[in-house]
Protein backbone atom coordinates (compact mmCIF):
# COMPACT_ATOMS: atom_id res chain seq x y z
CA MET A 1 -62.38 126.77 116.51
CA LYS A 2 -63.95 128.26 119.61
CA LYS A 3 -63.15 126.64 122.92
CA ARG A 4 -66.01 124.41 124.09
CA HIS A 5 -67.00 123.45 127.60
CA ALA A 6 -68.98 120.40 128.63
CA LEU A 7 -72.70 120.86 129.05
CA VAL A 8 -73.81 119.08 132.20
CA PHE A 9 -77.25 117.52 132.31
CA ALA A 10 -78.40 117.29 135.92
CA PRO A 11 -80.55 114.36 137.06
CA VAL A 12 -83.63 116.56 137.44
CA ALA A 13 -85.44 117.30 134.17
CA ALA A 14 -86.06 120.94 135.06
CA SER A 15 -82.33 121.49 135.38
CA LEU A 16 -81.48 120.50 131.83
CA LEU A 17 -79.38 123.10 130.06
CA LEU A 18 -80.18 124.30 126.58
CA LEU A 19 -77.65 123.73 123.83
CA THR A 20 -78.74 126.72 121.76
CA ALA A 21 -76.01 129.07 122.87
CA CYS A 22 -73.20 126.88 121.65
CA SER A 23 -74.69 124.60 119.01
CA GLY A 24 -73.87 126.76 116.02
CA ALA A 25 -76.59 124.92 114.10
CA SER A 26 -77.53 126.11 110.64
CA SER A 27 -80.78 127.98 110.30
CA ASP A 28 -82.60 125.05 108.65
CA GLY A 29 -81.13 122.35 110.93
CA SER A 30 -79.62 120.62 107.92
CA ALA A 31 -77.15 117.83 108.55
CA SER A 32 -75.89 117.60 105.00
CA GLY A 33 -72.13 117.40 104.48
CA GLY A 34 -69.89 119.96 102.85
CA ASP A 35 -67.75 122.87 103.94
CA GLY A 36 -67.02 122.55 107.67
CA ASP A 37 -67.74 126.25 108.24
CA SER A 38 -71.33 125.87 106.97
CA LEU A 39 -72.19 122.67 108.82
CA ALA A 40 -74.36 122.45 111.90
CA SER A 41 -72.50 121.91 115.14
CA THR A 42 -71.69 118.53 116.65
CA ALA A 43 -71.81 117.01 120.13
CA LEU A 44 -70.16 114.18 122.01
CA VAL A 45 -72.35 112.43 124.59
CA VAL A 46 -70.04 111.30 127.40
CA ALA A 47 -70.50 107.80 128.81
CA GLN A 48 -70.62 106.47 132.38
CA GLY A 49 -67.64 107.57 134.41
CA GLY A 50 -67.61 111.04 132.86
CA LEU A 51 -64.74 113.20 131.71
CA GLY A 52 -61.66 112.94 133.88
CA ASP A 53 -61.63 109.13 133.88
CA GLU A 54 -58.16 109.06 132.22
CA SER A 55 -59.55 106.25 130.09
CA TYR A 56 -62.38 105.74 127.60
CA ASN A 57 -64.15 109.10 127.86
CA ASP A 58 -61.02 111.22 128.05
CA TYR A 59 -59.40 109.44 125.10
CA ALA A 60 -62.54 109.89 123.00
CA TYR A 61 -62.83 113.56 123.96
CA THR A 62 -59.21 114.20 123.01
CA GLY A 63 -59.89 112.64 119.62
CA PHE A 64 -63.13 114.61 119.31
CA GLU A 65 -61.37 117.92 119.95
CA LYS A 66 -58.64 117.07 117.46
CA GLY A 67 -61.21 115.98 114.88
CA LEU A 68 -63.08 119.25 115.27
CA ALA A 69 -59.89 121.26 114.74
CA ASP A 70 -58.72 119.15 111.80
CA ASN A 71 -62.07 119.41 110.03
CA GLY A 72 -63.01 122.99 110.87
CA LEU A 73 -66.08 121.97 112.84
CA GLU A 74 -67.74 123.23 116.00
CA GLY A 75 -68.77 120.94 118.83
CA THR A 76 -69.18 120.36 122.54
CA PRO A 77 -69.25 117.43 124.98
CA ILE A 78 -72.47 116.68 126.87
CA GLU A 79 -72.41 115.10 130.34
CA SER A 80 -75.13 113.89 132.65
CA ASP A 81 -75.01 112.74 136.26
CA ASP A 82 -77.22 109.83 135.16
CA ILE A 83 -76.37 109.20 131.52
CA VAL A 84 -78.04 105.78 131.59
CA GLY A 85 -81.35 106.68 133.23
CA GLN A 86 -81.56 110.08 131.56
CA GLY A 87 -80.28 108.92 128.20
CA GLU A 88 -83.36 109.47 126.07
CA GLN A 89 -83.93 112.91 127.55
CA VAL A 90 -80.34 113.93 126.82
CA LEU A 91 -80.49 112.68 123.24
CA ARG A 92 -83.81 114.35 122.52
CA ARG A 93 -82.59 117.68 123.85
CA ALA A 94 -79.61 117.37 121.52
CA GLY A 95 -81.96 116.60 118.65
CA ASP A 96 -84.16 119.60 119.50
CA GLU A 97 -81.18 121.91 119.01
CA GLY A 98 -80.71 120.97 115.37
CA LEU A 99 -77.21 119.57 115.78
CA GLY A 100 -75.72 118.10 112.63
CA LEU A 101 -73.99 115.16 114.28
CA VAL A 102 -74.30 113.60 117.73
CA ILE A 103 -71.71 110.98 118.71
CA ASP A 104 -72.85 108.87 121.67
CA LEU A 105 -70.25 107.04 123.75
CA GLU A 106 -72.77 105.29 126.02
CA TYR A 107 -73.35 101.68 124.90
CA SER A 108 -76.53 101.31 126.99
CA HIS A 109 -78.29 103.70 124.57
CA ALA A 110 -78.43 101.01 121.87
CA GLU A 111 -82.18 100.55 122.24
CA ILE A 112 -83.24 104.18 122.65
CA LEU A 113 -80.98 105.77 120.04
CA PRO A 114 -82.81 104.33 116.97
CA GLN A 115 -86.12 105.66 118.31
CA VAL A 116 -84.67 109.11 118.89
CA ALA A 117 -82.81 109.16 115.57
CA ALA A 118 -86.01 108.33 113.69
CA ASP A 119 -87.65 111.42 115.19
CA TYR A 120 -84.70 113.64 114.15
CA PRO A 121 -83.91 112.55 110.58
CA ASP A 122 -82.00 115.76 109.81
CA THR A 123 -79.38 114.94 112.43
CA PHE A 124 -76.71 112.29 111.97
CA TRP A 125 -76.14 110.01 114.95
CA ALA A 126 -73.28 107.68 115.83
CA LEU A 127 -73.15 105.09 118.61
CA VAL A 128 -69.80 103.86 119.86
CA ASN A 129 -69.45 100.43 121.49
CA ALA A 130 -72.78 99.03 120.32
CA GLU A 131 -74.93 98.75 117.20
CA ALA A 132 -78.04 100.79 116.54
CA ALA A 133 -80.27 100.70 113.47
CA GLY A 134 -81.27 103.69 111.36
CA ASP A 135 -80.49 105.26 108.00
CA ASN A 136 -79.04 108.30 109.78
CA VAL A 137 -77.20 106.20 112.40
CA ALA A 138 -73.64 104.87 112.20
CA SER A 139 -72.35 102.31 114.68
CA VAL A 140 -68.73 101.86 115.73
CA LEU A 141 -67.55 98.57 117.16
CA PHE A 142 -64.05 97.86 118.39
CA GLN A 143 -62.62 94.38 118.34
CA GLU A 144 -61.52 94.72 121.95
CA GLN A 145 -61.20 90.97 122.25
CA GLU A 146 -58.25 91.05 119.84
CA GLY A 147 -56.21 93.53 121.84
CA SER A 148 -57.24 91.86 125.07
CA TYR A 149 -56.01 88.51 123.73
CA LEU A 150 -52.55 90.05 123.39
CA ALA A 151 -52.80 91.48 126.92
CA GLY A 152 -53.73 88.04 128.26
CA ALA A 153 -50.91 86.33 126.39
CA LEU A 154 -48.42 88.89 127.71
CA ALA A 155 -49.71 88.48 131.28
CA ALA A 156 -49.50 84.68 131.03
CA ILE A 157 -45.89 84.86 129.89
CA GLN A 158 -44.83 87.55 132.36
CA THR A 159 -46.40 85.86 135.39
CA SER A 160 -43.85 83.06 134.90
CA ASN A 161 -40.95 85.50 134.62
CA THR A 162 -39.75 85.21 138.22
CA SER A 163 -36.56 87.13 137.39
CA ASP A 164 -38.83 90.19 137.47
CA PRO A 165 -39.04 91.43 141.11
CA LYS A 166 -42.70 92.34 140.62
CA ILE A 167 -43.57 88.71 139.80
CA ASN A 168 -44.19 86.03 142.43
CA SER A 169 -43.98 82.26 142.09
CA ASP A 170 -47.73 81.79 141.49
CA LYS A 171 -49.13 81.58 137.97
CA VAL A 172 -52.10 83.80 138.78
CA ILE A 173 -53.37 86.88 136.97
CA GLY A 174 -56.63 88.80 137.19
CA VAL A 175 -59.11 90.99 135.34
CA ILE A 176 -61.73 93.41 136.68
CA GLY A 177 -64.70 94.50 134.57
CA GLY A 178 -66.76 97.61 135.22
CA ALA A 179 -70.06 95.78 134.68
CA GLN A 180 -71.26 92.35 133.67
CA SER A 181 -72.29 92.90 130.06
CA ALA A 182 -71.41 91.49 126.68
CA GLY A 183 -69.57 94.68 125.77
CA ILE A 184 -67.27 94.45 128.78
CA ASP A 185 -67.03 90.68 128.64
CA LYS A 186 -65.53 90.94 125.15
CA PHE A 187 -62.42 92.23 126.91
CA LEU A 188 -62.50 89.63 129.66
CA VAL A 189 -62.98 86.61 127.43
CA GLY A 190 -60.32 87.77 124.98
CA TYR A 191 -57.91 88.22 127.88
CA ILE A 192 -58.72 84.80 129.31
CA GLN A 193 -58.38 83.13 125.90
CA GLY A 194 -55.00 84.76 125.31
CA ALA A 195 -53.78 83.54 128.69
CA ARG A 196 -55.21 80.03 128.24
CA ASP A 197 -53.77 79.62 124.75
CA THR A 198 -50.37 80.78 125.94
CA ASP A 199 -50.18 78.81 129.19
CA PRO A 200 -53.10 76.55 130.21
CA GLU A 201 -51.68 76.36 133.74
CA VAL A 202 -52.29 80.05 134.44
CA THR A 203 -55.23 80.87 136.72
CA VAL A 204 -57.27 83.96 135.77
CA LEU A 205 -59.25 85.60 138.58
CA THR A 206 -62.28 87.68 137.54
CA ALA A 207 -64.44 90.28 139.28
CA TYR A 208 -66.81 93.15 138.48
CA SER A 209 -66.76 96.56 140.15
CA ASN A 210 -70.28 97.46 138.94
CA ASP A 211 -69.06 101.02 138.67
CA PHE A 212 -66.94 102.90 136.15
CA ALA A 213 -65.98 105.77 138.44
CA ASP A 214 -65.00 104.27 141.80
CA PRO A 215 -61.21 103.99 142.23
CA THR A 216 -61.65 102.83 145.83
CA LYS A 217 -63.67 99.83 144.69
CA GLY A 218 -61.08 99.09 142.02
CA GLN A 219 -58.30 99.23 144.58
CA GLN A 220 -60.16 96.87 146.92
CA LEU A 221 -60.87 94.31 144.20
CA ALA A 222 -57.30 94.40 142.92
CA GLN A 223 -55.94 94.07 146.45
CA SER A 224 -58.05 90.95 146.91
CA MET A 225 -56.59 89.48 143.73
CA PHE A 226 -53.04 90.32 144.77
CA ASP A 227 -53.76 88.67 148.13
CA GLN A 228 -54.80 85.54 146.21
CA GLY A 229 -51.47 85.35 144.42
CA ALA A 230 -52.07 87.45 141.33
CA ASP A 231 -49.22 89.66 140.20
CA ILE A 232 -50.88 91.21 137.12
CA VAL A 233 -54.44 92.62 137.03
CA TYR A 234 -56.16 93.98 133.92
CA ALA A 235 -58.61 96.83 134.62
CA VAL A 236 -61.58 97.17 132.23
CA ALA A 237 -63.56 99.63 134.30
CA GLY A 238 -62.96 103.21 133.21
CA GLY A 239 -62.06 105.52 136.09
CA THR A 240 -62.36 102.63 138.56
CA GLY A 241 -59.15 101.33 137.00
CA ALA A 242 -57.18 104.12 138.68
CA GLY A 243 -57.59 102.21 141.92
CA VAL A 244 -56.32 99.01 140.29
CA ILE A 245 -53.19 100.83 139.20
CA GLN A 246 -52.74 102.25 142.70
CA ALA A 247 -53.05 98.77 144.21
CA ALA A 248 -50.46 97.45 141.78
CA GLU A 249 -48.03 100.17 142.82
CA ASP A 250 -48.73 99.60 146.53
CA ASN A 251 -48.06 95.86 146.18
CA ASN A 252 -45.09 96.08 143.79
CA HIS A 253 -47.02 94.22 141.10
CA TYR A 254 -48.50 95.16 137.72
CA ALA A 255 -51.73 96.55 136.36
CA ILE A 256 -52.74 96.51 132.71
CA GLY A 257 -54.50 99.71 131.67
CA VAL A 258 -57.28 100.13 129.15
CA ASP A 259 -58.51 102.52 126.46
CA ALA A 260 -56.23 105.59 126.77
CA ASN A 261 -52.52 104.97 127.32
CA GLN A 262 -52.14 104.68 131.10
CA ASP A 263 -48.51 103.52 131.13
CA ASP A 264 -47.33 106.80 132.69
CA VAL A 265 -49.97 106.90 135.43
CA ALA A 266 -47.61 104.79 137.56
CA PRO A 267 -44.45 104.29 135.47
CA GLY A 268 -43.11 100.75 135.76
CA PHE A 269 -46.24 99.41 137.46
CA VAL A 270 -48.47 99.42 134.36
CA LEU A 271 -47.25 96.48 132.31
CA THR A 272 -49.00 97.80 129.21
CA THR A 273 -52.29 99.36 128.16
CA MET A 274 -54.83 97.75 125.87
CA LEU A 275 -55.47 100.76 123.67
CA LYS A 276 -58.94 101.30 122.31
CA ARG A 277 -58.46 103.94 119.65
CA THR A 278 -61.58 106.00 120.11
CA ASP A 279 -59.54 108.86 118.67
CA VAL A 280 -59.48 106.97 115.36
CA ALA A 281 -63.26 106.59 115.55
CA MET A 282 -63.77 110.30 116.26
CA ASP A 283 -61.59 111.34 113.34
CA THR A 284 -63.33 108.90 110.99
CA LEU A 285 -66.83 110.07 111.95
CA LEU A 286 -66.09 113.80 111.93
CA LYS A 287 -64.24 113.67 108.62
CA ALA A 288 -67.06 111.68 107.02
CA TYR A 289 -69.57 114.24 108.29
CA LYS A 290 -67.54 117.13 106.92
CA ASP A 291 -67.05 115.41 103.55
CA GLY A 292 -70.75 114.63 103.15
CA ASP A 293 -70.04 110.91 103.27
CA PHE A 294 -71.44 109.94 106.66
CA PRO A 295 -71.84 106.13 106.90
CA GLY A 296 -75.49 106.11 107.99
CA GLY A 297 -76.90 102.60 108.33
CA GLU A 298 -73.42 101.08 108.51
CA THR A 299 -71.27 99.53 111.24
CA LEU A 300 -67.57 100.37 111.36
CA ASN A 301 -65.41 97.61 112.83
CA LEU A 302 -62.02 98.62 114.20
CA GLY A 303 -59.62 95.85 115.20
CA LEU A 304 -55.90 95.13 115.13
CA ALA A 305 -55.79 95.34 111.33
CA GLU A 306 -57.37 98.82 111.36
CA ASP A 307 -55.19 100.03 114.26
CA GLY A 308 -58.40 100.37 116.27
CA VAL A 309 -57.03 98.35 119.19
CA GLY A 310 -53.59 97.19 120.33
CA LEU A 311 -51.06 97.30 123.11
CA SER A 312 -49.07 100.38 124.10
CA ASP A 313 -45.37 100.63 123.34
CA PHE A 314 -44.05 99.30 126.71
CA ALA A 315 -42.08 102.51 127.25
CA ASN A 316 -41.59 101.82 130.97
CA THR A 317 -41.57 98.00 131.01
CA LYS A 318 -39.67 96.94 127.90
CA ASP A 319 -36.61 95.79 129.85
CA ALA A 320 -38.66 93.89 132.43
CA ILE A 321 -40.59 92.07 129.73
CA GLY A 322 -37.65 91.23 127.47
CA GLN A 323 -37.30 91.26 123.70
CA GLU A 324 -38.15 87.58 123.27
CA THR A 325 -41.57 88.08 124.81
CA LEU A 326 -42.17 91.28 122.86
CA ASP A 327 -41.37 89.44 119.64
CA ARG A 328 -43.79 86.68 120.63
CA ILE A 329 -46.59 89.20 121.20
CA GLU A 330 -45.89 90.75 117.80
CA GLU A 331 -46.13 87.30 116.21
CA LEU A 332 -49.48 86.68 117.87
CA LYS A 333 -50.73 90.06 116.67
CA GLN A 334 -49.87 89.21 113.09
CA GLN A 335 -51.48 85.78 113.39
CA ILE A 336 -54.73 87.41 114.51
CA ILE A 337 -54.59 89.89 111.62
CA ASP A 338 -53.88 87.07 109.17
CA GLY A 339 -56.76 84.98 110.51
CA ASP A 340 -54.55 82.20 111.86
CA ILE A 341 -55.89 82.89 115.36
CA THR A 342 -59.60 83.51 115.87
CA VAL A 343 -60.39 85.40 119.05
CA TRP A 344 -63.75 84.68 120.66
CA ASN A 345 -66.25 87.55 120.36
CA VAL A 346 -68.86 87.39 123.13
CA VAL A 347 -71.15 89.87 121.37
CA ALA A 348 -71.29 87.79 118.19
CA ASP A 349 -70.77 84.27 119.54
CA GLY A 350 -72.15 84.24 123.08
CA TYR A 351 -70.08 82.88 125.94
CA PRO A 352 -67.47 80.12 125.65
CA ASP A 353 -67.49 77.07 127.89
CA TYR A 354 -64.60 78.41 129.94
CA TYR A 355 -66.39 81.62 130.99
CA SER A 356 -70.04 82.06 131.81
CA GLY A 357 -70.01 85.82 132.28
CA SER A 358 -70.57 85.71 136.02
């Protein structure tokens, strides 16, 4: 597989870069499956926050690169300085190049992607983090609320563990979302439910950074929560979460990471990471494309049972947490998989009484 570099779409239309030189598309633009060597090239549209976020985008790109290598495919990431506002333009330029498969990580494209896909029926499209209609469109949803429930339960237990020097006497934890939206609030509500079910006396502080690439804002919001008595803060804000982790280290408290495993970003100060296995999604989509079995018109749901979400392995915090608590978290995980615990899904069920989304 040839080494690919990200194509950057500037905010000005005239500055858009052509994909032709690296698309490797077949002469007829066909997106039919088969031998990887004969298939049109693929692309990964990078979401808000961009590559280098050490979170959602980076984890997905790592899985994308591995999936390309494993399946003998060609592909490249596509970035834009304004992936939300310029979304339709980016997608249509990808369609114009006759790519066989375009995987879109930006959830805000849910409305425009079906329109674009309908105009490029010979290209397969996949949207991650939201659903989009179309016979040539596959959607991938993660049950982030399930993994976040476990993170909330763990935080609720650990915030009472005053034998841990990073824990204070207050039963206060926090969570910071990158934007107020149903997709992000799935994490928040799952986290809050896990904490409430585990210990109703725990207070959960909430805030939004309104940015997925501003570590300074993340650090400020986390500092405010630590000042209010929190000792554990969950960051659901892409690259902004780096600032939350820094604040945890500065205050001798804990952060909980998200998406890619962030436990080693500040060893001992990241209690765990709520893993969102976008690498599993990339492998599933690329393999299906190669095999000629692309799930167009379908939605793939990846939760705890499918190993699509879950907590990291506590490599740096196992001793601080203790085996009894780890066993309890494992029990809760199995109860969710077995259906004994139902975790609230904001996207499907709206907002619960205990959280309004603001």
